[in-house]
Amino acid sequence: MIIYATLIFLRIFEMVIFVDIILSWTRPFWEKFRYYYIAPLLEPIYNLVRKFIPTRLWIFDFTPIIVLLLIWFIAGIIITHNPGITTTISF
């Protein structure tokens, strides 16, 4: 049960990161929504990654990509050690 909850949490977090990436391209329209609802969820994790890995190259910020790779890595480890759950939750 905890494994399913962890995988569902990671999946939801992955979707929030994708929404953040898409909203970052449309600055004027969704600025308030992004900064009031999405940034408080993601910025603590982004800042943790930025503390250990330099993720900016010119104007590009690769932090969301690194966080997604970490999420996929963690989910892969969970699925590898519990092969019976791959039929219900796909990453």
C-alpha atoms as a PDB file:
ATOM      1  CA  MET A   1       0.000   0.000   0.000  1.00  0.00           C
ATOM      2  CA  ILE A   2       2.823   2.419   0.827  1.00  0.00           C
ATOM      3  CA  ILE A   3       4.534   1.505  -2.432  1.00  0.00           C
ATOM      4  CA  TYR A   4       1.425   2.384  -4.433  1.00  0.00           C
ATOM      5  CA  ALA A   5       1.030   5.667  -2.568  1.00  0.00           C
ATOM      6  CA  THR A   6       4.672   6.544  -3.222  1.00  0.00           C
ATOM      7  CA  LEU A   7       4.371   5.797  -6.924  1.00  0.00           C
ATOM      8  CA  ILE A   8       1.149   7.777  -7.227  1.00  0.00           C
ATOM      9  CA  PHE A   9       2.760  10.703  -5.383  1.00  0.00           C
ATOM     10  CA  LEU A  10       5.749  10.589  -7.740  1.00  0.00           C
ATOM     11  CA  ARG A  11       3.429  10.456 -10.749  1.00  0.00           C
ATOM     12  CA  ILE A  12       1.430  13.482  -9.553  1.00  0.00           C
ATOM     13  CA  PHE A  13       4.639  15.348  -8.816  1.00  0.00           C
ATOM     14  CA  GLU A  14       5.857  14.536 -12.324  1.00  0.00           C
ATOM     15  CA  MET A  15       2.659  16.009 -13.789  1.00  0.00           C
ATOM     16  CA  VAL A  16       3.049  19.174 -11.705  1.00  0.00           C
ATOM     17  CA  ILE A  17       6.591  19.573 -13.057  1.00  0.00           C
ATOM     18  CA  PHE A  18       5.323  19.213 -16.625  1.00  0.00           C
ATOM     19  CA  VAL A  19       2.661  21.853 -15.946  1.00  0.00           C
ATOM     20  CA  ASP A  20       5.361  24.125 -14.519  1.00  0.00           C
ATOM     21  CA  ILE A  21       7.488  23.661 -17.629  1.00  0.00           C
ATOM     22  CA  ILE A  22       4.595  24.461 -19.937  1.00  0.00           C
ATOM     23  CA  LEU A  23       3.502  27.472 -17.887  1.00  0.00           C
ATOM     24  CA  SER A  24       7.034  28.830 -17.887  1.00  0.00           C
ATOM     25  CA  TRP A  25       6.707  29.289 -21.651  1.00  0.00           C
ATOM     26  CA  THR A  26       3.508  31.345 -21.308  1.00  0.00           C
ATOM     27  CA  ARG A  27       4.670  33.952 -18.852  1.00  0.00           C
ATOM     28  CA  PRO A  28       2.127  36.782 -19.143  1.00  0.00           C
ATOM     29  CA  PHE A  29      -1.003  34.651 -19.037  1.00  0.00           C
ATOM     30  CA  TRP A  30      -0.431  32.206 -16.173  1.00  0.00           C
ATOM     31  CA  GLU A  31       2.090  34.082 -14.061  1.00  0.00           C
ATOM     32  CA  LYS A  32      -0.065  34.366 -10.938  1.00  0.00           C
ATOM     33  CA  PHE A  33      -1.230  30.754 -11.063  1.00  0.00           C
ATOM     34  CA  ARG A  34       2.326  29.519 -11.423  1.00  0.00           C
ATOM     35  CA  TYR A  35       3.776  31.615  -8.619  1.00  0.00           C
ATOM     36  CA  TYR A  36       0.934  31.156  -6.136  1.00  0.00           C
ATOM     37  CA  TYR A  37       0.179  27.468  -6.602  1.00  0.00           C
ATOM     38  CA  ILE A  38       2.980  25.637  -8.377  1.00  0.00           C
ATOM     39  CA  ALA A  39       6.119  27.427  -7.219  1.00  0.00           C
ATOM     40  CA  PRO A  40       5.537  26.765  -3.485  1.00  0.00           C
ATOM     41  CA  LEU A  41       5.420  23.047  -4.277  1.00  0.00           C
ATOM     42  CA  LEU A  42       8.436  22.870  -6.548  1.00  0.00           C
ATOM     43  CA  GLU A  43      10.862  25.578  -5.478  1.00  0.00           C
ATOM     44  CA  PRO A  44      12.078  23.813  -2.303  1.00  0.00           C
ATOM     45  CA  ILE A  45      13.048  20.774  -4.370  1.00  0.00           C
ATOM     46  CA  TYR A  46      14.471  22.886  -7.188  1.00  0.00           C
ATOM     47  CA  ASN A  47      16.582  24.825  -4.672  1.00  0.00           C
ATOM     48  CA  LEU A  48      17.851  21.590  -3.147  1.00  0.00           C
ATOM     49  CA  VAL A  49      18.985  20.383  -6.570  1.00  0.00           C
ATOM     50  CA  ARG A  50      20.483  23.790  -7.426  1.00  0.00           C
ATOM     51  CA  LYS A  51      22.498  23.668  -4.212  1.00  0.00           C
ATOM     52  CA  PHE A  52      24.351  20.518  -5.298  1.00  0.00           C
ATOM     53  CA  ILE A  53      24.325  20.737  -9.102  1.00  0.00           C
ATOM     54  CA  PRO A  54      24.806  23.875 -11.187  1.00  0.00           C
ATOM     55  CA  THR A  55      21.804  23.676 -13.490  1.00  0.00           C
ATOM     56  CA  ARG A  56      21.815  26.994 -15.334  1.00  0.00           C
ATOM     57  CA  LEU A  57      23.363  27.374 -18.740  1.00  0.00           C
ATOM     58  CA  TRP A  58      22.956  30.919 -20.053  1.00  0.00           C
ATOM     59  CA  ILE A  59      19.215  31.573 -19.807  1.00  0.00           C
ATOM     60  CA  PHE A  60      18.192  27.926 -19.611  1.00  0.00           C
ATOM     61  CA  ASP A  61      17.386  26.262 -16.310  1.00  0.00           C
ATOM     62  CA  PHE A  62      17.707  22.490 -16.411  1.00  0.00           C
ATOM     63  CA  THR A  63      16.520  21.905 -12.835  1.00  0.00           C
ATOM     64  CA  PRO A  64      13.088  20.495 -13.819  1.00  0.00           C
ATOM     65  CA  ILE A  65      14.760  17.991 -16.141  1.00  0.00           C
ATOM     66  CA  ILE A  66      17.130  16.844 -13.407  1.00  0.00           C
ATOM     67  CA  VAL A  67      14.249  16.503 -10.934  1.00  0.00           C
ATOM     68  CA  LEU A  68      12.275  14.481 -13.500  1.00  0.00           C
ATOM     69  CA  LEU A  69      15.259  12.198 -14.034  1.00  0.00           C
ATOM     70  CA  LEU A  70      15.513  11.703 -10.264  1.00  0.00           C
ATOM     71  CA  ILE A  71      11.798  10.903 -10.042  1.00  0.00           C
ATOM     72  CA  TRP A  72      12.086   8.368 -12.862  1.00  0.00           C
ATOM     73  CA  PHE A  73      15.165   6.851 -11.222  1.00  0.00           C
ATOM     74  CA  ILE A  74      13.403   6.479  -7.842  1.00  0.00           C
ATOM     75  CA  ALA A  75      10.283   5.034  -9.496  1.00  0.00           C
ATOM     76  CA  GLY A  76      12.452   2.622 -11.467  1.00  0.00           C
ATOM     77  CA  ILE A  77      14.121   1.384  -8.297  1.00  0.00           C
ATOM     78  CA  ILE A  78      10.741   0.898  -6.609  1.00  0.00           C
ATOM     79  CA  ILE A  79       9.310  -0.957  -9.606  1.00  0.00           C
ATOM     80  CA  THR A  80      12.431  -3.098  -9.999  1.00  0.00           C
ATOM     81  CA  HIS A  81      12.258  -4.309  -6.410  1.00  0.00           C
ATOM     82  CA  ASN A  82       8.490  -4.924  -6.643  1.00  0.00           C
ATOM     83  CA  PRO A  83       7.837  -6.394 -10.112  1.00  0.00           C
ATOM     84  CA  GLY A  84       4.156  -7.157  -9.486  1.00  0.00           C
ATOM     85  CA  ILE A  85       3.119  -3.497  -9.521  1.00  0.00           C
ATOM     86  CA  THR A  86       4.247  -2.675 -13.059  1.00  0.00           C
ATOM     87  CA  THR A  87       0.873  -3.700 -14.489  1.00  0.00           C
ATOM     88  CA  THR A  88      -1.074  -1.068 -12.574  1.00  0.00           C
ATOM     89  CA  ILE A  89       1.135   2.046 -12.583  1.00  0.00           C
ATOM     90  CA  SER A  90       3.306   2.862 -15.566  1.00  0.00           C
ATOM     91  CA  PHE A  91       6.202   5.278 -15.652  1.00  0.00           C
END
